[in-house]
Amino acid sequence: MLVAMEVFKDEKVTSSCLANSIGVNPVVIRRILSQLKEAGIVEVKRGSGGAKIVKPLTEVNLLDVYRAVEVSPNALLFNFHDNPNPDCPVGKNIHSILDHRLVEAQNALESQLKDQTLADVMTEAYEKIN
């Protein structure tokens, strides 16, 4: 979505335009735009005013985007088994078996996302588009 916004930045980028590019309902686009706006990444003008990225591409990493639309900074990516059965040998041990592994996986993902900026993504996007 952000790639399309940058590629078409000289045009009016509406939720319908983005929805057409991505292949989803404009309602989904508007929800995500709202989240990105709240994170200070985009600006959205009501009506048919369109949306645009307001931060320099070098200052927005993919972790910023991920956190804006997916999870809060302290949330666990792999959050499950909220109430395992303490009387079950698997249930009572599942967190000690899996949690540290899943936290390591989440940390690795977040580290990779943090190292990639929108500028990096756009460099590759323009290479493939042009």
N, C-alpha and C. Protein backbone atom coordinates (compact mmCIF):
# COMPACT_ATOMS: atom_id res chain seq x y z
N MET A 1 0.83 -1.17 0.00
CA MET A 1 0.00 0.00 0.00
C MET A 1 0.88 1.25 0.00
N LEU A 2 1.89 1.26 0.88
CA LEU A 2 2.78 2.42 0.95
C LEU A 2 3.61 2.54 -0.33
N VAL A 3 3.95 1.41 -0.93
CA VAL A 3 4.67 1.45 -2.20
C VAL A 3 3.81 2.12 -3.27
N ALA A 4 2.56 1.74 -3.35
CA ALA A 4 1.66 2.36 -4.32
C ALA A 4 1.50 3.85 -4.04
N MET A 5 1.40 4.21 -2.77
CA MET A 5 1.26 5.63 -2.42
C MET A 5 2.47 6.42 -2.89
N GLU A 6 3.64 5.84 -2.75
CA GLU A 6 4.86 6.54 -3.17
C GLU A 6 4.97 6.58 -4.69
N VAL A 7 4.70 5.48 -5.34
CA VAL A 7 4.79 5.43 -6.81
C VAL A 7 3.84 6.44 -7.45
N PHE A 8 2.65 6.55 -6.91
CA PHE A 8 1.63 7.44 -7.48
C PHE A 8 1.50 8.76 -6.71
N LYS A 9 2.56 9.17 -6.03
CA LYS A 9 2.49 10.35 -5.15
C LYS A 9 2.14 11.64 -5.88
N ASP A 10 2.38 11.71 -7.18
CA ASP A 10 2.06 12.92 -7.93
C ASP A 10 0.60 12.95 -8.39
N GLU A 11 -0.12 11.89 -8.08
CA GLU A 11 -1.54 11.80 -8.40
C GLU A 11 -2.33 11.80 -7.09
N LYS A 12 -3.64 11.89 -7.20
CA LYS A 12 -4.48 11.80 -6.02
C LYS A 12 -4.63 10.31 -5.68
N VAL A 13 -4.07 9.90 -4.55
CA VAL A 13 -4.11 8.49 -4.16
C VAL A 13 -5.27 8.30 -3.18
N THR A 14 -6.35 7.73 -3.68
CA THR A 14 -7.54 7.51 -2.85
C THR A 14 -7.58 6.07 -2.36
N SER A 15 -8.47 5.82 -1.42
CA SER A 15 -8.63 4.44 -0.92
C SER A 15 -9.10 3.52 -2.04
N SER A 16 -9.91 4.03 -2.94
CA SER A 16 -10.36 3.22 -4.08
C SER A 16 -9.21 2.87 -5.01
N CYS A 17 -8.34 3.84 -5.25
CA CYS A 17 -7.16 3.60 -6.08
C CYS A 17 -6.27 2.53 -5.45
N LEU A 18 -6.02 2.66 -4.16
CA LEU A 18 -5.19 1.69 -3.45
C LEU A 18 -5.86 0.32 -3.43
N ALA A 19 -7.15 0.31 -3.19
CA ALA A 19 -7.90 -0.96 -3.15
C ALA A 19 -7.82 -1.67 -4.49
N ASN A 20 -7.90 -0.90 -5.57
CA ASN A 20 -7.81 -1.48 -6.91
C ASN A 20 -6.43 -2.07 -7.15
N SER A 21 -5.39 -1.38 -6.70
CA SER A 21 -4.02 -1.86 -6.88
C SER A 21 -3.77 -3.14 -6.08
N ILE A 22 -4.28 -3.17 -4.87
CA ILE A 22 -3.99 -4.27 -3.95
C ILE A 22 -4.98 -5.42 -4.11
N GLY A 23 -6.18 -5.10 -4.54
CA GLY A 23 -7.19 -6.13 -4.72
C GLY A 23 -8.00 -6.43 -3.47
N VAL A 24 -8.29 -5.38 -2.70
CA VAL A 24 -9.12 -5.53 -1.50
C VAL A 24 -10.22 -4.47 -1.52
N ASN A 25 -11.12 -4.57 -0.57
CA ASN A 25 -12.21 -3.61 -0.43
C ASN A 25 -11.65 -2.28 0.09
N PRO A 26 -12.13 -1.14 -0.41
CA PRO A 26 -11.66 0.16 0.07
C PRO A 26 -11.83 0.35 1.58
N VAL A 27 -12.80 -0.34 2.18
CA VAL A 27 -12.99 -0.25 3.64
C VAL A 27 -11.75 -0.75 4.37
N VAL A 28 -11.15 -1.81 3.87
CA VAL A 28 -9.92 -2.35 4.46
C VAL A 28 -8.81 -1.31 4.36
N ILE A 29 -8.70 -0.69 3.21
CA ILE A 29 -7.68 0.34 2.98
C ILE A 29 -7.87 1.50 3.94
N ARG A 30 -9.11 1.95 4.10
CA ARG A 30 -9.37 3.09 5.00
C ARG A 30 -9.01 2.76 6.44
N ARG A 31 -9.24 1.52 6.86
CA ARG A 31 -8.89 1.12 8.23
C ARG A 31 -7.37 1.16 8.41
N ILE A 32 -6.65 0.63 7.44
CA ILE A 32 -5.19 0.62 7.52
C ILE A 32 -4.64 2.04 7.43
N LEU A 33 -5.21 2.86 6.55
CA LEU A 33 -4.77 4.26 6.46
C LEU A 33 -4.97 4.98 7.78
N SER A 34 -6.06 4.69 8.45
CA SER A 34 -6.32 5.29 9.75
C SER A 34 -5.24 4.90 10.76
N GLN A 35 -4.83 3.65 10.74
CA GLN A 35 -3.77 3.19 11.63
C GLN A 35 -2.44 3.84 11.29
N LEU A 36 -2.14 3.94 10.01
CA LEU A 36 -0.89 4.57 9.59
C LEU A 36 -0.89 6.06 9.90
N LYS A 37 -2.05 6.69 9.80
CA LYS A 37 -2.18 8.11 10.15
C LYS A 37 -1.94 8.29 11.64
N GLU A 38 -2.52 7.43 12.45
CA GLU A 38 -2.33 7.52 13.90
C GLU A 38 -0.86 7.36 14.27
N ALA A 39 -0.13 6.58 13.50
CA ALA A 39 1.30 6.39 13.74
C ALA A 39 2.15 7.52 13.18
N GLY A 40 1.51 8.48 12.49
CA GLY A 40 2.24 9.62 11.94
C GLY A 40 2.99 9.31 10.65
N ILE A 41 2.64 8.22 10.00
CA ILE A 41 3.34 7.83 8.77
C ILE A 41 2.69 8.44 7.54
N VAL A 42 1.37 8.55 7.55
CA VAL A 42 0.66 9.10 6.40
C VAL A 42 -0.27 10.24 6.83
N GLU A 43 -0.69 10.98 5.83
CA GLU A 43 -1.71 12.02 6.01
C GLU A 43 -2.86 11.64 5.08
N VAL A 44 -4.06 11.78 5.60
CA VAL A 44 -5.24 11.43 4.82
C VAL A 44 -6.17 12.62 4.79
N LYS A 45 -6.60 13.00 3.59
CA LYS A 45 -7.57 14.08 3.44
C LYS A 45 -8.92 13.45 3.15
N ARG A 46 -9.92 13.86 3.90
CA ARG A 46 -11.27 13.30 3.77
C ARG A 46 -11.85 13.56 2.38
N GLY A 47 -12.88 12.79 2.09
CA GLY A 47 -13.50 12.92 0.78
C GLY A 47 -12.63 12.26 -0.26
N SER A 48 -12.39 12.94 -1.33
CA SER A 48 -11.53 12.37 -2.38
C SER A 48 -10.17 13.06 -2.39
N GLY A 49 -9.76 13.57 -1.24
CA GLY A 49 -8.50 14.29 -1.14
C GLY A 49 -7.27 13.43 -1.28
N GLY A 50 -7.40 12.16 -0.92
CA GLY A 50 -6.29 11.24 -1.07
C GLY A 50 -5.41 11.13 0.15
N ALA A 51 -4.38 10.32 0.02
CA ALA A 51 -3.45 10.05 1.11
C ALA A 51 -2.03 10.16 0.60
N LYS A 52 -1.12 10.50 1.51
CA LYS A 52 0.29 10.56 1.13
C LYS A 52 1.15 10.25 2.34
N ILE A 53 2.35 9.80 2.06
CA ILE A 53 3.33 9.52 3.11
C ILE A 53 3.91 10.86 3.55
N VAL A 54 3.95 11.10 4.85
CA VAL A 54 4.41 12.40 5.34
C VAL A 54 5.81 12.36 5.96
N LYS A 55 6.29 11.21 6.31
CA LYS A 55 7.65 11.11 6.87
C LYS A 55 8.63 10.79 5.74
N PRO A 56 9.86 11.24 5.88
CA PRO A 56 10.87 10.84 4.89
C PRO A 56 10.98 9.31 4.87
N LEU A 57 11.11 8.74 3.69
CA LEU A 57 11.16 7.29 3.54
C LEU A 57 12.31 6.66 4.32
N THR A 58 13.38 7.42 4.49
CA THR A 58 14.54 6.90 5.24
C THR A 58 14.27 6.85 6.74
N GLU A 59 13.22 7.53 7.19
CA GLU A 59 12.91 7.57 8.62
C GLU A 59 11.79 6.62 9.03
N VAL A 60 11.28 5.86 8.09
CA VAL A 60 10.21 4.90 8.40
C VAL A 60 10.75 3.51 8.10
N ASN A 61 10.88 2.70 9.15
CA ASN A 61 11.31 1.32 8.90
C ASN A 61 10.09 0.41 8.90
N LEU A 62 10.30 -0.80 8.44
CA LEU A 62 9.18 -1.74 8.32
C LEU A 62 8.63 -2.15 9.68
N LEU A 63 9.43 -2.04 10.73
CA LEU A 63 8.93 -2.32 12.07
C LEU A 63 7.92 -1.25 12.47
N ASP A 64 8.17 0.00 12.11
CA ASP A 64 7.21 1.08 12.38
C ASP A 64 5.86 0.76 11.72
N VAL A 65 5.93 0.33 10.48
CA VAL A 65 4.71 0.01 9.73
C VAL A 65 4.01 -1.20 10.35
N TYR A 66 4.77 -2.22 10.65
CA TYR A 66 4.23 -3.44 11.25
C TYR A 66 3.52 -3.12 12.56
N ARG A 67 4.17 -2.34 13.40
CA ARG A 67 3.56 -2.00 14.69
C ARG A 67 2.34 -1.11 14.52
N ALA A 68 2.35 -0.28 13.50
CA ALA A 68 1.19 0.59 13.26
C ALA A 68 -0.05 -0.20 12.89
N VAL A 69 0.13 -1.26 12.14
CA VAL A 69 -1.04 -1.98 11.63
C VAL A 69 -1.26 -3.36 12.23
N GLU A 70 -0.28 -3.92 12.89
CA GLU A 70 -0.42 -5.29 13.38
C GLU A 70 -0.43 -5.41 14.90
N VAL A 71 0.63 -4.97 15.55
CA VAL A 71 0.75 -5.20 16.99
C VAL A 71 1.27 -3.97 17.70
N SER A 72 0.99 -3.89 18.97
CA SER A 72 1.58 -2.83 19.78
C SER A 72 3.01 -3.24 20.12
N PRO A 73 3.87 -2.29 20.50
CA PRO A 73 5.28 -2.59 20.72
C PRO A 73 5.54 -3.71 21.73
N ASN A 74 4.69 -3.88 22.72
CA ASN A 74 4.94 -4.88 23.75
C ASN A 74 4.11 -6.15 23.58
N ALA A 75 3.36 -6.23 22.51
CA ALA A 75 2.51 -7.41 22.29
C ALA A 75 3.34 -8.56 21.72
N LEU A 76 2.89 -9.75 22.03
CA LEU A 76 3.55 -10.93 21.49
C LEU A 76 2.93 -11.31 20.16
N LEU A 77 3.77 -11.59 19.21
CA LEU A 77 3.31 -12.03 17.90
C LEU A 77 2.59 -13.36 18.01
N PHE A 78 3.17 -14.26 18.79
CA PHE A 78 2.60 -15.59 18.98
C PHE A 78 1.93 -15.64 20.34
N ASN A 79 0.69 -15.23 20.39
CA ASN A 79 -0.06 -15.19 21.64
C ASN A 79 -1.18 -16.22 21.57
N PHE A 80 -1.00 -17.32 22.25
CA PHE A 80 -2.00 -18.37 22.23
C PHE A 80 -1.93 -19.16 23.53
N HIS A 81 -2.79 -20.10 23.67
CA HIS A 81 -2.88 -20.92 24.89
C HIS A 81 -3.02 -20.04 26.13
N ASP A 82 -4.01 -19.15 26.10
CA ASP A 82 -4.20 -18.25 27.23
C ASP A 82 -4.59 -18.98 28.51
N ASN A 83 -5.32 -20.05 28.39
CA ASN A 83 -5.78 -20.78 29.57
C ASN A 83 -5.54 -22.28 29.43
N PRO A 84 -4.28 -22.70 29.38
CA PRO A 84 -4.04 -24.13 29.25
C PRO A 84 -4.48 -24.87 30.51
N ASN A 85 -4.87 -26.10 30.32
CA ASN A 85 -5.35 -26.92 31.42
C ASN A 85 -4.19 -27.29 32.34
N PRO A 86 -4.20 -26.82 33.59
CA PRO A 86 -3.09 -27.11 34.51
C PRO A 86 -3.04 -28.58 34.93
N ASP A 87 -4.10 -29.32 34.67
CA ASP A 87 -4.13 -30.74 35.01
C ASP A 87 -3.63 -31.62 33.87
N CYS A 88 -3.38 -31.02 32.72
CA CYS A 88 -2.89 -31.76 31.55
C CYS A 88 -1.37 -31.64 31.50
N PRO A 89 -0.64 -32.72 31.28
CA PRO A 89 0.82 -32.63 31.25
C PRO A 89 1.33 -31.71 30.12
N VAL A 90 0.61 -31.65 29.02
CA VAL A 90 1.00 -30.75 27.94
C VAL A 90 0.59 -29.32 28.29
N GLY A 91 -0.67 -29.14 28.69
CA GLY A 91 -1.18 -27.81 29.01
C GLY A 91 -0.37 -27.09 30.07
N LYS A 92 0.01 -27.81 31.12
CA LYS A 92 0.72 -27.13 32.21
C LYS A 92 2.17 -26.79 31.84
N ASN A 93 2.68 -27.37 30.76
CA ASN A 93 4.08 -27.13 30.38
C ASN A 93 4.25 -26.41 29.05
N ILE A 94 3.18 -26.17 28.33
CA ILE A 94 3.30 -25.65 26.97
C ILE A 94 4.01 -24.30 26.91
N HIS A 95 3.76 -23.45 27.89
CA HIS A 95 4.42 -22.13 27.86
C HIS A 95 5.92 -22.25 28.10
N SER A 96 6.34 -23.10 29.03
CA SER A 96 7.78 -23.24 29.27
C SER A 96 8.47 -23.94 28.10
N ILE A 97 7.71 -24.70 27.33
CA ILE A 97 8.27 -25.39 26.17
C ILE A 97 8.41 -24.44 24.97
N LEU A 98 7.40 -23.62 24.72
CA LEU A 98 7.36 -22.82 23.50
C LEU A 98 7.70 -21.34 23.64
N ASP A 99 7.34 -20.73 24.74
CA ASP A 99 7.40 -19.26 24.82
C ASP A 99 8.77 -18.69 24.46
N HIS A 100 9.85 -19.23 25.01
CA HIS A 100 11.17 -18.65 24.73
C HIS A 100 11.53 -18.79 23.25
N ARG A 101 11.12 -19.87 22.63
CA ARG A 101 11.39 -20.05 21.20
C ARG A 101 10.62 -19.02 20.36
N LEU A 102 9.39 -18.82 20.73
CA LEU A 102 8.55 -17.88 19.98
C LEU A 102 9.00 -16.44 20.19
N VAL A 103 9.45 -16.11 21.39
CA VAL A 103 9.98 -14.76 21.64
C VAL A 103 11.24 -14.54 20.81
N GLU A 104 12.10 -15.55 20.73
CA GLU A 104 13.30 -15.44 19.90
C GLU A 104 12.94 -15.22 18.43
N ALA A 105 11.94 -15.94 17.95
CA ALA A 105 11.50 -15.77 16.56
C ALA A 105 10.95 -14.37 16.33
N GLN A 106 10.17 -13.88 17.28
CA GLN A 106 9.61 -12.54 17.16
C GLN A 106 10.72 -11.50 17.17
N ASN A 107 11.70 -11.67 18.06
CA ASN A 107 12.82 -10.72 18.12
C ASN A 107 13.60 -10.70 16.82
N ALA A 108 13.80 -11.87 16.21
CA ALA A 108 14.52 -11.94 14.93
C ALA A 108 13.73 -11.23 13.83
N LEU A 109 12.43 -11.46 13.79
CA LEU A 109 11.57 -10.79 12.81
C LEU A 109 11.64 -9.28 12.99
N GLU A 110 11.47 -8.82 14.22
CA GLU A 110 11.47 -7.38 14.48
C GLU A 110 12.81 -6.75 14.16
N SER A 111 13.89 -7.46 14.40
CA SER A 111 15.22 -6.95 14.07
C SER A 111 15.37 -6.77 12.56
N GLN A 112 14.90 -7.74 11.79
CA GLN A 112 14.95 -7.63 10.34
C GLN A 112 14.09 -6.48 9.83
N LEU A 113 12.89 -6.35 10.38
CA LEU A 113 12.00 -5.27 9.96
C LEU A 113 12.59 -3.91 10.29
N LYS A 114 13.25 -3.81 11.44
CA LYS A 114 13.83 -2.53 11.87
C LYS A 114 14.96 -2.09 10.94
N ASP A 115 15.65 -3.06 10.35
CA ASP A 115 16.79 -2.76 9.48
C ASP A 115 16.40 -2.36 8.06
N GLN A 116 15.13 -2.45 7.72
CA GLN A 116 14.68 -2.12 6.37
C GLN A 116 13.77 -0.89 6.40
N THR A 117 14.14 0.12 5.64
CA THR A 117 13.32 1.34 5.58
C THR A 117 12.43 1.33 4.34
N LEU A 118 11.48 2.24 4.34
CA LEU A 118 10.66 2.40 3.13
C LEU A 118 11.53 2.81 1.95
N ALA A 119 12.60 3.55 2.21
CA ALA A 119 13.51 3.93 1.13
C ALA A 119 14.14 2.68 0.50
N ASP A 120 14.52 1.71 1.34
CA ASP A 120 15.07 0.45 0.82
C ASP A 120 14.04 -0.27 -0.05
N VAL A 121 12.83 -0.33 0.44
CA VAL A 121 11.76 -1.01 -0.30
C VAL A 121 11.51 -0.30 -1.63
N MET A 122 11.49 1.03 -1.60
CA MET A 122 11.21 1.78 -2.82
C MET A 122 12.33 1.64 -3.84
N THR A 123 13.57 1.52 -3.39
CA THR A 123 14.68 1.30 -4.32
C THR A 123 14.42 0.04 -5.14
N GLU A 124 14.06 -1.03 -4.45
CA GLU A 124 13.77 -2.28 -5.15
C GLU A 124 12.50 -2.17 -5.99
N ALA A 125 11.51 -1.49 -5.46
CA ALA A 125 10.25 -1.34 -6.20
C ALA A 125 10.48 -0.62 -7.52
N TYR A 126 11.23 0.48 -7.48
CA TYR A 126 11.48 1.23 -8.72
C TYR A 126 12.32 0.42 -9.70
N GLU A 127 13.25 -0.40 -9.20
CA GLU A 127 14.04 -1.26 -10.09
C GLU A 127 13.14 -2.22 -10.84
N LYS A 128 12.16 -2.76 -10.15
CA LYS A 128 11.28 -3.76 -10.77
C LYS A 128 10.19 -3.12 -11.63
N ILE A 129 9.75 -1.93 -11.25
CA ILE A 129 8.67 -1.25 -11.97
C ILE A 129 9.18 -0.66 -13.28
N ASN A 130 10.38 -0.08 -13.23
CA ASN A 130 10.93 0.61 -14.41
C ASN A 130 11.63 -0.31 -15.34
